[in-house]
Amino acid sequence: WVACVASGRMVKTRVSEATRQVIAARIREAGFRPNRLALALKGGHKGYVGVFLHKHGTYGSELNEHFISAISDSLADRGLGLWLRFFTCDREFLEACSHRLLKEIDGLVVAGIPHPELHENLRSLQSEGLPVVCAFAKWKGKQDLPNVCVDFEKQGWLAARHLADLGCRRIARFHCHEWRQRGFLKGLREARIQPVPALMIGSKDFGYEDGLQCIEALVRSGEPFDGISADSDALAAAAVHYLLRTGRPRELWPKIVGNDDSPIARHCAVPLTSVTSEIQERACCVVKTLFDLIDHKKVSSTLVPPRLVVRESTDPSLVAPCFAVPAPLDRPIS
C-alpha cells in the first residue's frame, strides 16, 4: 500500500481514502521523494535524454561547457541521465541521430549552431514518438519544433541603452550578429542617438583576433568615440588590451560592453560589463519544455530575456570624454 500511495498507482489498490491520507501524511513527514528514474524504467522508459551539440562560442567563453553542465544538473534533478554527442556537419549528425534513438532515449535536445537541412529528420523522429526540443542560436527555420534561445535583439538593446544612459553619444560597434545589431540600433534610436556609419565595424567572427582587427580599423577611421559595444566578450577584451598597450590614461577610455558574461568578461585585465546569454535559465527551460512534450502538453518556442552585468569597464565613476585617437601601433598585436 505504501509503495502504491508513494508512486500514485492507486487504481487497483483496495485502500480507503482515510488510510491513503494517513500514509500520504507520513510520506510527507519523512520527506520521501520517489525515484523518477526507477519509475521511468518500470514504465518502459529508458531513463536518458539525448543532447546533440554543434559547439558555438569562442575559445574561453565556456558557453558549451556551461550549457552541458546546466542540462545535466536539470536532468539529474528529475532523476534522468544525459546521453551526449557532438557533431559539426549533417553527416555526423545523421550517423549518430538515427531512428535507433527511439530505443535508447526518452527525448532529444539539439543545440548550438543550427542545421536547417536536418529539420525534416528531426520532425520525422518526433512524428515517430521521440520528443525533440531545439536550443539553436540564430534559428531562422520553421517554428514547428520548439526552440529555446536568448533574446538576441534585447542583448544589443541593453548594451546601447546602458552606454547611452552613461552619457555616451558616439558609440562604436563591433558586430557580426544580425539580431544583436538590430537591437543595438533600436536602442540608439530610442535614446535619440544617430549612429555613425564609420563607427559600425563589421567583424568576421566573435574571436579575440577579430576584435584586434576591429579596434585597429576603428582607430584608423579617425572618428572619435566614447563607447564600444561588442558582440562578444572576446571582441571587447581585445579593445581593452589595445588601450592598455597604447598607454591611454584610464580617464580617457571609452566605456566598453561585451556580450555573453563569460569568464573572459570576469577575468579580463579590466573586468568587462557584459550582457548575459542566460545559459542556466535556457537549459532549465529546455528541460521543462522537453518534459512538457513527454507529458503531451502544448509547447511553444521561448525567448529568454538577458540581463546586464555592470563591471569596471563602464564604471560610472570614470570620466569618459570623447576618446582621443591614439597613433597606430608600429607592430601588430599578438
C-alpha atoms as a PDB file:
ATOM      1  CA  TRP A   1       0.000   0.000   0.000  1.00  0.00           C
ATOM      2  CA  VAL A   2       2.751   2.459   0.974  1.00  0.00           C
ATOM      3  CA  ALA A   3       4.546   1.919  -2.349  1.00  0.00           C
ATOM      4  CA  CYS A   4       1.322   2.411  -4.279  1.00  0.00           C
ATOM      5  CA  VAL A   5       0.486   5.636  -2.446  1.00  0.00           C
ATOM      6  CA  ALA A   6       4.054   6.965  -2.906  1.00  0.00           C
ATOM      7  CA  SER A   7       4.020   6.290  -6.644  1.00  0.00           C
ATOM      8  CA  GLY A   8       0.423   7.399  -7.179  1.00  0.00           C
ATOM      9  CA  ARG A   9      -0.620   3.982  -8.555  1.00  0.00           C
ATOM     10  CA  MET A  10      -3.908   3.541  -6.659  1.00  0.00           C
ATOM     11  CA  VAL A  11      -6.190   2.308  -9.404  1.00  0.00           C
ATOM     12  CA  LYS A  12      -6.059  -1.380  -8.492  1.00  0.00           C
ATOM     13  CA  THR A  13      -5.350  -0.980  -4.794  1.00  0.00           C
ATOM     14  CA  ARG A  14      -8.087  -1.646  -2.266  1.00  0.00           C
ATOM     15  CA  VAL A  15      -7.282   1.031   0.277  1.00  0.00           C
ATOM     16  CA  SER A  16      -9.679   3.513   1.806  1.00  0.00           C
ATOM     17  CA  GLU A  17      -9.317   7.242   1.265  1.00  0.00           C
ATOM     18  CA  ALA A  18      -8.736   7.730   5.005  1.00  0.00           C
ATOM     19  CA  THR A  19      -5.886   5.209   5.013  1.00  0.00           C
ATOM     20  CA  ARG A  20      -4.408   6.798   1.880  1.00  0.00           C
ATOM     21  CA  GLN A  21      -4.376  10.211   3.538  1.00  0.00           C
ATOM     22  CA  VAL A  22      -2.644   8.831   6.657  1.00  0.00           C
ATOM     23  CA  ILE A  23       0.034   7.152   4.528  1.00  0.00           C
ATOM     24  CA  ALA A  24       0.481  10.277   2.398  1.00  0.00           C
ATOM     25  CA  ALA A  25       0.921  12.414   5.521  1.00  0.00           C
ATOM     26  CA  ARG A  26       3.620  10.075   6.870  1.00  0.00           C
ATOM     27  CA  ILE A  27       5.407  10.154   3.491  1.00  0.00           C
ATOM     28  CA  ARG A  28       5.443  13.958   3.547  1.00  0.00           C
ATOM     29  CA  GLU A  29       6.747  13.998   7.118  1.00  0.00           C
ATOM     30  CA  ALA A  30       9.594  11.676   6.143  1.00  0.00           C
ATOM     31  CA  GLY A  31      10.472  13.873   3.157  1.00  0.00           C
ATOM     32  CA  PHE A  32      10.254  10.908   0.791  1.00  0.00           C
ATOM     33  CA  ARG A  33      10.529  11.553  -2.944  1.00  0.00           C
ATOM     34  CA  PRO A  34      10.018   8.744  -5.471  1.00  0.00           C
ATOM     35  CA  ASN A  35      12.974   7.888  -7.717  1.00  0.00           C
ATOM     36  CA  ARG A  36      11.917   9.196 -11.128  1.00  0.00           C
ATOM     37  CA  LEU A  37      14.488   7.041 -12.905  1.00  0.00           C
ATOM     38  CA  ALA A  38      13.201   3.879 -11.264  1.00  0.00           C
ATOM     39  CA  LEU A  39       9.618   4.855 -12.111  1.00  0.00           C
ATOM     40  CA  ALA A  40      10.631   5.631 -15.693  1.00  0.00           C
ATOM     41  CA  LEU A  41      12.312   2.262 -16.142  1.00  0.00           C
ATOM     42  CA  LYS A  42       9.340   0.471 -14.605  1.00  0.00           C
ATOM     43  CA  GLY A  43       7.054   2.345 -17.011  1.00  0.00           C
ATOM     44  CA  GLY A  44       9.069   1.265 -20.033  1.00  0.00           C
ATOM     45  CA  HIS A  45      11.156   4.435 -20.392  1.00  0.00           C
ATOM     46  CA  LYS A  46      14.909   4.471 -20.937  1.00  0.00           C
ATOM     47  CA  GLY A  47      15.899   6.984 -18.280  1.00  0.00           C
ATOM     48  CA  TYR A  48      18.101   9.072 -20.599  1.00  0.00           C
ATOM     49  CA  VAL A  49      17.750  12.261 -22.630  1.00  0.00           C
ATOM     50  CA  GLY A  50      19.959  12.745 -25.679  1.00  0.00           C
ATOM     51  CA  VAL A  51      21.802  16.019 -26.257  1.00  0.00           C
ATOM     52  CA  PHE A  52      23.339  16.614 -29.694  1.00  0.00           C
ATOM     53  CA  LEU A  53      25.505  19.742 -29.750  1.00  0.00           C
ATOM     54  CA  HIS A  54      27.294  21.611 -32.526  1.00  0.00           C
ATOM     55  CA  LYS A  55      29.627  23.728 -30.401  1.00  0.00           C
ATOM     56  CA  HIS A  56      29.482  27.502 -30.707  1.00  0.00           C
ATOM     57  CA  GLY A  57      31.133  30.457 -28.996  1.00  0.00           C
ATOM     58  CA  THR A  58      34.783  31.499 -28.817  1.00  0.00           C
ATOM     59  CA  TYR A  59      37.714  29.933 -27.011  1.00  0.00           C
ATOM     60  CA  GLY A  60      37.476  30.814 -23.324  1.00  0.00           C
ATOM     61  CA  SER A  61      33.767  31.685 -23.350  1.00  0.00           C
ATOM     62  CA  GLU A  62      32.839  28.224 -21.980  1.00  0.00           C
ATOM     63  CA  LEU A  63      29.302  28.580 -23.371  1.00  0.00           C
ATOM     64  CA  ASN A  64      29.136  24.920 -24.404  1.00  0.00           C
ATOM     65  CA  GLU A  65      30.545  23.611 -21.133  1.00  0.00           C
ATOM     66  CA  HIS A  66      28.103  25.667 -19.062  1.00  0.00           C
ATOM     67  CA  PHE A  67      25.156  24.576 -21.203  1.00  0.00           C
ATOM     68  CA  ILE A  68      26.006  20.878 -20.916  1.00  0.00           C
ATOM     69  CA  SER A  69      26.573  21.171 -17.171  1.00  0.00           C
ATOM     70  CA  ALA A  70      23.281  23.018 -16.656  1.00  0.00           C
ATOM     71  CA  ILE A  71      21.342  20.497 -18.785  1.00  0.00           C
ATOM     72  CA  SER A  72      22.931  17.613 -16.880  1.00  0.00           C
ATOM     73  CA  ASP A  73      22.072  19.143 -13.490  1.00  0.00           C
ATOM     74  CA  SER A  74      18.493  19.867 -14.531  1.00  0.00           C
ATOM     75  CA  LEU A  75      18.006  16.302 -15.777  1.00  0.00           C
ATOM     76  CA  ALA A  76      19.600  14.874 -12.637  1.00  0.00           C
ATOM     77  CA  ASP A  77      17.070  16.792 -10.542  1.00  0.00           C
ATOM     78  CA  ARG A  78      14.409  14.787 -12.386  1.00  0.00           C
ATOM     79  CA  GLY A  79      16.255  11.502 -11.928  1.00  0.00           C
ATOM     80  CA  LEU A  80      17.394  11.183 -15.553  1.00  0.00           C
ATOM     81  CA  GLY A  81      20.770  10.765 -17.226  1.00  0.00           C
ATOM     82  CA  LEU A  82      22.444  12.605 -20.121  1.00  0.00           C
ATOM     83  CA  TRP A  83      23.312  10.910 -23.445  1.00  0.00           C
ATOM     84  CA  LEU A  84      25.753  13.328 -25.139  1.00  0.00           C
ATOM     85  CA  ARG A  85      27.089  13.537 -28.697  1.00  0.00           C
ATOM     86  CA  PHE A  86      28.912  16.304 -30.581  1.00  0.00           C
ATOM     87  CA  PHE A  87      28.616  16.954 -34.295  1.00  0.00           C
ATOM     88  CA  THR A  88      29.919  19.519 -36.773  1.00  0.00           C
ATOM     89  CA  CYS A  89      28.181  18.572 -40.038  1.00  0.00           C
ATOM     90  CA  ASP A  90      24.971  16.966 -41.271  1.00  0.00           C
ATOM     91  CA  ARG A  91      26.688  13.650 -41.960  1.00  0.00           C
ATOM     92  CA  GLU A  92      27.955  13.307 -38.379  1.00  0.00           C
ATOM     93  CA  PHE A  93      24.511  14.125 -37.063  1.00  0.00           C
ATOM     94  CA  LEU A  94      22.761  11.585 -39.283  1.00  0.00           C
ATOM     95  CA  GLU A  95      25.242   8.849 -38.405  1.00  0.00           C
ATOM     96  CA  ALA A  96      24.565   9.289 -34.695  1.00  0.00           C
ATOM     97  CA  CYS A  97      20.976  10.537 -34.760  1.00  0.00           C
ATOM     98  CA  SER A  98      19.246   7.624 -36.475  1.00  0.00           C
ATOM     99  CA  HIS A  99      15.901   6.003 -35.711  1.00  0.00           C
ATOM    100  CA  ARG A 100      17.616   3.634 -33.279  1.00  0.00           C
ATOM    101  CA  LEU A 101      17.484   6.546 -30.840  1.00  0.00           C
ATOM    102  CA  LEU A 102      13.834   5.674 -30.324  1.00  0.00           C
ATOM    103  CA  LYS A 103      15.053   2.608 -28.422  1.00  0.00           C
ATOM    104  CA  GLU A 104      17.739   4.394 -26.400  1.00  0.00           C
ATOM    105  CA  ILE A 105      16.443   7.764 -25.151  1.00  0.00           C
ATOM    106  CA  ASP A 106      13.201   9.348 -23.940  1.00  0.00           C
ATOM    107  CA  GLY A 107      13.763  12.738 -25.589  1.00  0.00           C
ATOM    108  CA  LEU A 108      16.237  14.674 -27.721  1.00  0.00           C
ATOM    109  CA  VAL A 109      17.781  18.150 -27.394  1.00  0.00           C
ATOM    110  CA  VAL A 110      19.621  19.549 -30.434  1.00  0.00           C
ATOM    111  CA  ALA A 111      21.636  22.664 -29.619  1.00  0.00           C
ATOM    112  CA  GLY A 112      24.313  25.118 -30.725  1.00  0.00           C
ATOM    113  CA  ILE A 113      24.855  26.101 -34.343  1.00  0.00           C
ATOM    114  CA  PRO A 114      21.661  25.362 -36.318  1.00  0.00           C
ATOM    115  CA  HIS A 115      21.424  22.989 -39.271  1.00  0.00           C
ATOM    116  CA  PRO A 116      18.183  23.801 -41.149  1.00  0.00           C
ATOM    117  CA  GLU A 117      18.879  20.922 -43.541  1.00  0.00           C
ATOM    118  CA  LEU A 118      18.231  18.490 -40.675  1.00  0.00           C
ATOM    119  CA  HIS A 119      14.816  19.886 -39.846  1.00  0.00           C
ATOM    120  CA  GLU A 120      12.878  17.166 -41.654  1.00  0.00           C
ATOM    121  CA  ASN A 121      14.928  14.471 -39.919  1.00  0.00           C
ATOM    122  CA  LEU A 122      14.061  15.948 -36.540  1.00  0.00           C
ATOM    123  CA  ARG A 123      10.405  16.194 -37.480  1.00  0.00           C
ATOM    124  CA  SER A 124      10.458  12.556 -38.577  1.00  0.00           C
ATOM    125  CA  LEU A 125      11.898  11.466 -35.223  1.00  0.00           C
ATOM    126  CA  GLN A 126       9.245  13.465 -33.378  1.00  0.00           C
ATOM    127  CA  SER A 127       6.433  12.029 -35.503  1.00  0.00           C
ATOM    128  CA  GLU A 128       7.606   8.549 -34.519  1.00  0.00           C
ATOM    129  CA  GLY A 129       7.259   9.368 -30.838  1.00  0.00           C
ATOM    130  CA  LEU A 130      10.592  10.940 -29.831  1.00  0.00           C
ATOM    131  CA  PRO A 131      10.054  14.399 -28.255  1.00  0.00           C
ATOM    132  CA  VAL A 132      12.504  16.926 -29.752  1.00  0.00           C
ATOM    133  CA  VAL A 133      13.447  20.380 -28.409  1.00  0.00           C
ATOM    134  CA  CYS A 134      15.940  22.715 -30.107  1.00  0.00           C
ATOM    135  CA  ALA A 135      18.266  25.204 -28.432  1.00  0.00           C
ATOM    136  CA  PHE A 136      19.659  26.820 -31.552  1.00  0.00           C
ATOM    137  CA  ALA A 137      21.376  30.169 -31.947  1.00  0.00           C
ATOM    138  CA  LYS A 138      20.259  32.349 -34.889  1.00  0.00           C
ATOM    139  CA  TRP A 139      17.469  29.921 -35.792  1.00  0.00           C
ATOM    140  CA  LYS A 140      15.576  31.087 -38.890  1.00  0.00           C
ATOM    141  CA  GLY A 141      13.880  27.832 -39.845  1.00  0.00           C
ATOM    142  CA  LYS A 142      10.343  26.590 -39.408  1.00  0.00           C
ATOM    143  CA  GLN A 143       8.776  27.017 -36.000  1.00  0.00           C
ATOM    144  CA  ASP A 144       7.009  23.653 -35.749  1.00  0.00           C
ATOM    145  CA  LEU A 145       9.728  22.352 -33.414  1.00  0.00           C
ATOM    146  CA  PRO A 146      10.082  24.264 -30.122  1.00  0.00           C
ATOM    147  CA  ASN A 147      13.279  26.305 -29.892  1.00  0.00           C
ATOM    148  CA  VAL A 148      14.703  27.904 -26.733  1.00  0.00           C
ATOM    149  CA  CYS A 149      17.195  30.747 -27.132  1.00  0.00           C
ATOM    150  CA  VAL A 150      18.145  34.046 -25.569  1.00  0.00           C
ATOM    151  CA  ASP A 151      16.527  37.237 -26.870  1.00  0.00           C
ATOM    152  CA  PHE A 152      19.362  38.394 -29.136  1.00  0.00           C
ATOM    153  CA  GLU A 153      17.758  41.710 -30.032  1.00  0.00           C
ATOM    154  CA  LYS A 154      17.417  42.619 -26.380  1.00  0.00           C
ATOM    155  CA  GLN A 155      21.107  41.835 -25.864  1.00  0.00           C
ATOM    156  CA  GLY A 156      22.051  44.551 -28.344  1.00  0.00           C
ATOM    157  CA  TRP A 157      19.385  46.875 -26.975  1.00  0.00           C
ATOM    158  CA  LEU A 158      20.659  46.548 -23.381  1.00  0.00           C
ATOM    159  CA  ALA A 159      24.207  47.430 -24.431  1.00  0.00           C
ATOM    160  CA  ALA A 160      23.081  50.507 -26.382  1.00  0.00           C
ATOM    161  CA  ARG A 161      20.815  51.825 -23.631  1.00  0.00           C
ATOM    162  CA  HIS A 162      23.427  51.277 -20.922  1.00  0.00           C
ATOM    163  CA  LEU A 163      26.060  53.255 -22.822  1.00  0.00           C
ATOM    164  CA  ALA A 164      23.530  55.963 -23.685  1.00  0.00           C
ATOM    165  CA  ASP A 165      22.476  56.242 -20.036  1.00  0.00           C
ATOM    166  CA  LEU A 166      26.138  56.784 -19.127  1.00  0.00           C
ATOM    167  CA  GLY A 167      26.268  59.776 -21.471  1.00  0.00           C
ATOM    168  CA  CYS A 168      27.980  58.143 -24.463  1.00  0.00           C
ATOM    169  CA  ARG A 169      26.919  59.723 -27.771  1.00  0.00           C
ATOM    170  CA  ARG A 170      29.453  58.396 -30.276  1.00  0.00           C
ATOM    171  CA  ILE A 171      29.250  54.661 -29.714  1.00  0.00           C
ATOM    172  CA  ALA A 172      31.366  52.280 -31.767  1.00  0.00           C
ATOM    173  CA  ARG A 173      30.054  48.826 -32.540  1.00  0.00           C
ATOM    174  CA  PHE A 174      31.938  45.562 -33.284  1.00  0.00           C
ATOM    175  CA  HIS A 175      29.219  43.425 -34.828  1.00  0.00           C
ATOM    176  CA  CYS A 176      28.812  40.035 -36.529  1.00  0.00           C
ATOM    177  CA  HIS A 177      25.345  39.092 -35.244  1.00  0.00           C
ATOM    178  CA  GLU A 178      22.426  40.450 -37.240  1.00  0.00           C
ATOM    179  CA  TRP A 179      19.810  40.357 -34.467  1.00  0.00           C
ATOM    180  CA  ARG A 180      22.055  41.911 -31.804  1.00  0.00           C
ATOM    181  CA  GLN A 181      22.921  44.674 -34.246  1.00  0.00           C
ATOM    182  CA  ARG A 182      19.221  45.247 -34.903  1.00  0.00           C
ATOM    183  CA  GLY A 183      18.563  45.591 -31.168  1.00  0.00           C
ATOM    184  CA  PHE A 184      21.565  47.886 -30.740  1.00  0.00           C
ATOM    185  CA  LEU A 185      20.339  50.286 -33.433  1.00  0.00           C
ATOM    186  CA  LYS A 186      16.871  50.231 -31.891  1.00  0.00           C
ATOM    187  CA  GLY A 187      18.390  51.212 -28.546  1.00  0.00           C
ATOM    188  CA  LEU A 188      20.220  54.131 -30.153  1.00  0.00           C
ATOM    189  CA  ARG A 189      17.029  55.365 -31.819  1.00  0.00           C
ATOM    190  CA  GLU A 190      15.135  55.251 -28.536  1.00  0.00           C
ATOM    191  CA  ALA A 191      17.937  57.277 -26.911  1.00  0.00           C
ATOM    192  CA  ARG A 192      17.771  59.767 -29.815  1.00  0.00           C
ATOM    193  CA  ILE A 193      21.353  58.991 -30.826  1.00  0.00           C
ATOM    194  CA  GLN A 194      22.249  59.000 -34.509  1.00  0.00           C
ATOM    195  CA  PRO A 195      24.521  56.038 -35.380  1.00  0.00           C
ATOM    196  CA  VAL A 196      27.772  56.989 -37.092  1.00  0.00           C
ATOM    197  CA  PRO A 197      28.366  54.633 -40.063  1.00  0.00           C
ATOM    198  CA  ALA A 198      32.163  54.851 -39.703  1.00  0.00           C
ATOM    199  CA  LEU A 199      31.852  53.561 -36.120  1.00  0.00           C
ATOM    200  CA  MET A 200      29.920  50.435 -37.174  1.00  0.00           C
ATOM    201  CA  ILE A 201      32.781  47.937 -37.606  1.00  0.00           C
ATOM    202  CA  GLY A 202      31.819  44.571 -39.055  1.00  0.00           C
ATOM    203  CA  SER A 203      33.657  41.524 -37.695  1.00  0.00           C
ATOM    204  CA  LYS A 204      34.219  38.181 -39.415  1.00  0.00           C
ATOM    205  CA  ASP A 205      33.673  36.255 -36.174  1.00  0.00           C
ATOM    206  CA  PHE A 206      33.459  36.548 -32.379  1.00  0.00           C
ATOM    207  CA  GLY A 207      37.114  35.814 -31.525  1.00  0.00           C
ATOM    208  CA  TYR A 208      39.902  37.814 -29.912  1.00  0.00           C
ATOM    209  CA  GLU A 209      41.899  38.204 -33.149  1.00  0.00           C
ATOM    210  CA  ASP A 210      38.748  39.522 -34.815  1.00  0.00           C
ATOM    211  CA  GLY A 211      38.479  42.068 -32.013  1.00  0.00           C
ATOM    212  CA  LEU A 212      42.036  43.277 -32.622  1.00  0.00           C
ATOM    213  CA  GLN A 213      41.187  43.845 -36.262  1.00  0.00           C
ATOM    214  CA  CYS A 214      38.051  45.760 -35.254  1.00  0.00           C
ATOM    215  CA  ILE A 215      39.757  48.093 -32.784  1.00  0.00           C
ATOM    216  CA  GLU A 216      42.581  48.796 -35.233  1.00  0.00           C
ATOM    217  CA  ALA A 217      40.056  49.546 -38.004  1.00  0.00           C
ATOM    218  CA  LEU A 218      38.183  51.821 -35.626  1.00  0.00           C
ATOM    219  CA  VAL A 219      41.321  53.766 -34.734  1.00  0.00           C
ATOM    220  CA  ARG A 220      42.338  54.051 -38.378  1.00  0.00           C
ATOM    221  CA  SER A 221      38.949  55.575 -39.201  1.00  0.00           C
ATOM    222  CA  GLY A 222      39.957  58.728 -37.322  1.00  0.00           C
ATOM    223  CA  GLU A 223      36.453  59.053 -35.871  1.00  0.00           C
ATOM    224  CA  PRO A 224      36.236  59.970 -32.154  1.00  0.00           C
ATOM    225  CA  PHE A 225      34.235  57.568 -29.978  1.00  0.00           C
ATOM    226  CA  ASP A 226      33.257  57.433 -26.329  1.00  0.00           C
ATOM    227  CA  GLY A 227      31.779  53.936 -26.098  1.00  0.00           C
ATOM    228  CA  ILE A 228      32.216  50.464 -27.592  1.00  0.00           C
ATOM    229  CA  SER A 229      29.594  47.737 -27.799  1.00  0.00           C
ATOM    230  CA  ALA A 230      30.898  44.340 -28.957  1.00  0.00           C
ATOM    231  CA  ASP A 231      29.059  41.172 -29.952  1.00  0.00           C
ATOM    232  CA  SER A 232      31.228  39.003 -27.691  1.00  0.00           C
ATOM    233  CA  ASP A 233      33.395  39.334 -24.614  1.00  0.00           C
ATOM    234  CA  ALA A 234      36.437  38.305 -26.674  1.00  0.00           C
ATOM    235  CA  LEU A 235      35.877  41.197 -29.107  1.00  0.00           C
ATOM    236  CA  ALA A 236      35.545  43.605 -26.174  1.00  0.00           C
ATOM    237  CA  ALA A 237      38.598  42.179 -24.380  1.00  0.00           C
ATOM    238  CA  ALA A 238      40.707  42.855 -27.471  1.00  0.00           C
ATOM    239  CA  ALA A 239      39.725  46.532 -27.275  1.00  0.00           C
ATOM    240  CA  VAL A 240      40.695  46.640 -23.593  1.00  0.00           C
ATOM    241  CA  HIS A 241      44.126  45.149 -24.273  1.00  0.00           C
ATOM    242  CA  TYR A 242      44.708  47.533 -27.178  1.00  0.00           C
ATOM    243  CA  LEU A 243      44.018  50.500 -24.920  1.00  0.00           C
ATOM    244  CA  LEU A 244      46.303  49.124 -22.231  1.00  0.00           C
ATOM    245  CA  ARG A 245      49.153  48.552 -24.649  1.00  0.00           C
ATOM    246  CA  THR A 246      48.888  52.011 -26.177  1.00  0.00           C
ATOM    247  CA  GLY A 247      49.158  53.506 -22.680  1.00  0.00           C
ATOM    248  CA  ARG A 248      45.953  55.532 -22.915  1.00  0.00           C
ATOM    249  CA  PRO A 249      45.093  57.054 -19.478  1.00  0.00           C
ATOM    250  CA  ARG A 250      42.060  55.389 -17.956  1.00  0.00           C
ATOM    251  CA  GLU A 251      40.193  58.664 -17.590  1.00  0.00           C
ATOM    252  CA  LEU A 252      40.254  58.954 -21.390  1.00  0.00           C
ATOM    253  CA  TRP A 253      38.959  55.456 -22.075  1.00  0.00           C
ATOM    254  CA  PRO A 254      35.634  54.762 -23.780  1.00  0.00           C
ATOM    255  CA  LYS A 255      33.006  52.739 -21.931  1.00  0.00           C
ATOM    256  CA  ILE A 256      33.128  49.124 -23.152  1.00  0.00           C
ATOM    257  CA  VAL A 257      30.378  46.479 -23.118  1.00  0.00           C
ATOM    258  CA  GLY A 258      30.798  42.839 -24.146  1.00  0.00           C
ATOM    259  CA  ASN A 259      28.321  40.033 -24.619  1.00  0.00           C
ATOM    260  CA  ASP A 260      27.773  36.576 -23.023  1.00  0.00           C
ATOM    261  CA  ASP A 261      29.005  37.356 -19.484  1.00  0.00           C
ATOM    262  CA  SER A 262      31.629  34.655 -19.948  1.00  0.00           C
ATOM    263  CA  PRO A 263      34.796  34.031 -17.904  1.00  0.00           C
ATOM    264  CA  ILE A 264      36.533  36.319 -20.402  1.00  0.00           C
ATOM    265  CA  ALA A 265      34.464  39.229 -19.066  1.00  0.00           C
ATOM    266  CA  ARG A 266      35.021  38.405 -15.424  1.00  0.00           C
ATOM    267  CA  HIS A 267      38.790  37.830 -15.748  1.00  0.00           C
ATOM    268  CA  CYS A 268      39.695  40.497 -18.294  1.00  0.00           C
ATOM    269  CA  ALA A 269      42.516  42.869 -17.304  1.00  0.00           C
ATOM    270  CA  VAL A 270      39.738  45.421 -16.834  1.00  0.00           C
ATOM    271  CA  PRO A 271      36.622  43.415 -15.880  1.00  0.00           C
ATOM    272  CA  LEU A 272      34.028  43.847 -18.598  1.00  0.00           C
ATOM    273  CA  THR A 273      30.449  44.947 -18.305  1.00  0.00           C
ATOM    274  CA  SER A 274      28.597  42.309 -20.293  1.00  0.00           C
ATOM    275  CA  VAL A 275      25.123  41.185 -21.365  1.00  0.00           C
ATOM    276  CA  THR A 276      24.260  37.658 -20.277  1.00  0.00           C
ATOM    277  CA  SER A 277      23.308  34.764 -22.547  1.00  0.00           C
ATOM    278  CA  GLU A 278      21.374  33.116 -19.675  1.00  0.00           C
ATOM    279  CA  ILE A 279      22.861  29.641 -20.146  1.00  0.00           C
ATOM    280  CA  GLN A 280      21.464  28.281 -16.860  1.00  0.00           C
ATOM    281  CA  GLU A 281      17.976  29.625 -17.457  1.00  0.00           C
ATOM    282  CA  ARG A 282      17.929  28.393 -21.059  1.00  0.00           C
ATOM    283  CA  ALA A 283      18.987  24.889 -20.022  1.00  0.00           C
ATOM    284  CA  CYS A 284      16.249  24.701 -17.377  1.00  0.00           C
ATOM    285  CA  CYS A 285      13.703  25.942 -19.921  1.00  0.00           C
ATOM    286  CA  VAL A 286      14.842  23.328 -22.461  1.00  0.00           C
ATOM    287  CA  VAL A 287      14.374  20.515 -19.961  1.00  0.00           C
ATOM    288  CA  LYS A 288      10.965  21.816 -18.846  1.00  0.00           C
ATOM    289  CA  THR A 289       9.824  22.103 -22.483  1.00  0.00           C
ATOM    290  CA  LEU A 290      11.023  18.563 -23.177  1.00  0.00           C
ATOM    291  CA  PHE A 291       9.120  17.159 -20.199  1.00  0.00           C
ATOM    292  CA  ASP A 292       6.005  19.058 -21.239  1.00  0.00           C
ATOM    293  CA  LEU A 293       6.287  17.301 -24.609  1.00  0.00           C
ATOM    294  CA  ILE A 294       6.769  13.942 -22.900  1.00  0.00           C
ATOM    295  CA  ASP A 295       3.627  14.661 -20.854  1.00  0.00           C
ATOM    296  CA  HIS A 296       1.750  15.549 -24.099  1.00  0.00           C
ATOM    297  CA  LYS A 297       1.336  19.208 -23.152  1.00  0.00           C
ATOM    298  CA  LYS A 298       1.203  22.019 -25.677  1.00  0.00           C
ATOM    299  CA  VAL A 299       4.549  23.811 -26.003  1.00  0.00           C
ATOM    300  CA  SER A 300       5.966  26.739 -27.956  1.00  0.00           C
ATOM    301  CA  SER A 301       9.338  28.367 -28.633  1.00  0.00           C
ATOM    302  CA  THR A 302      10.802  30.550 -25.875  1.00  0.00           C
ATOM    303  CA  LEU A 303      12.914  33.717 -25.894  1.00  0.00           C
ATOM    304  CA  VAL A 304      14.791  34.023 -22.592  1.00  0.00           C
ATOM    305  CA  PRO A 305      15.414  37.674 -21.580  1.00  0.00           C
ATOM    306  CA  PRO A 306      19.086  38.605 -20.973  1.00  0.00           C
ATOM    307  CA  ARG A 307      20.470  40.787 -18.177  1.00  0.00           C
ATOM    308  CA  LEU A 308      23.197  43.436 -17.990  1.00  0.00           C
ATOM    309  CA  VAL A 309      26.057  42.770 -15.538  1.00  0.00           C
ATOM    310  CA  VAL A 310      27.940  46.011 -14.788  1.00  0.00           C
ATOM    311  CA  ARG A 311      31.672  45.883 -14.088  1.00  0.00           C
ATOM    312  CA  GLU A 312      34.665  48.197 -14.174  1.00  0.00           C
ATOM    313  CA  SER A 313      34.716  48.773 -17.952  1.00  0.00           C
ATOM    314  CA  THR A 314      31.658  51.033 -17.631  1.00  0.00           C
ATOM    315  CA  ASP A 315      32.116  52.159 -14.038  1.00  0.00           C
ATOM    316  CA  PRO A 316      30.070  55.392 -13.845  1.00  0.00           C
ATOM    317  CA  SER A 317      32.732  56.995 -11.619  1.00  0.00           C
ATOM    318  CA  LEU A 318      35.137  57.079 -14.560  1.00  0.00           C
ATOM    319  CA  VAL A 319      35.128  60.209 -16.700  1.00  0.00           C
ATOM    320  CA  ALA A 320      34.749  59.225 -20.362  1.00  0.00           C
ATOM    321  CA  PRO A 321      35.168  62.241 -22.649  1.00  0.00           C
ATOM    322  CA  CYS A 322      35.244  61.540 -26.361  1.00  0.00           C
ATOM    323  CA  PHE A 323      38.168  59.165 -26.825  1.00  0.00           C
ATOM    324  CA  ALA A 324      41.165  60.839 -28.457  1.00  0.00           C
ATOM    325  CA  VAL A 325      42.506  58.623 -31.218  1.00  0.00           C
ATOM    326  CA  PRO A 326      45.996  57.221 -30.426  1.00  0.00           C
ATOM    327  CA  ALA A 327      48.674  56.773 -33.054  1.00  0.00           C
ATOM    328  CA  PRO A 328      48.601  53.391 -34.829  1.00  0.00           C
ATOM    329  CA  LEU A 329      50.915  50.739 -33.434  1.00  0.00           C
ATOM    330  CA  ASP A 330      54.284  50.226 -35.110  1.00  0.00           C
ATOM    331  CA  ARG A 331      53.933  46.431 -34.818  1.00  0.00           C
ATOM    332  CA  PRO A 332      50.968  44.081 -34.859  1.00  0.00           C
ATOM    333  CA  ILE A 333      49.431  42.980 -31.568  1.00  0.00           C
ATOM    334  CA  SER A 334      49.725  39.257 -30.891  1.00  0.00           C
END
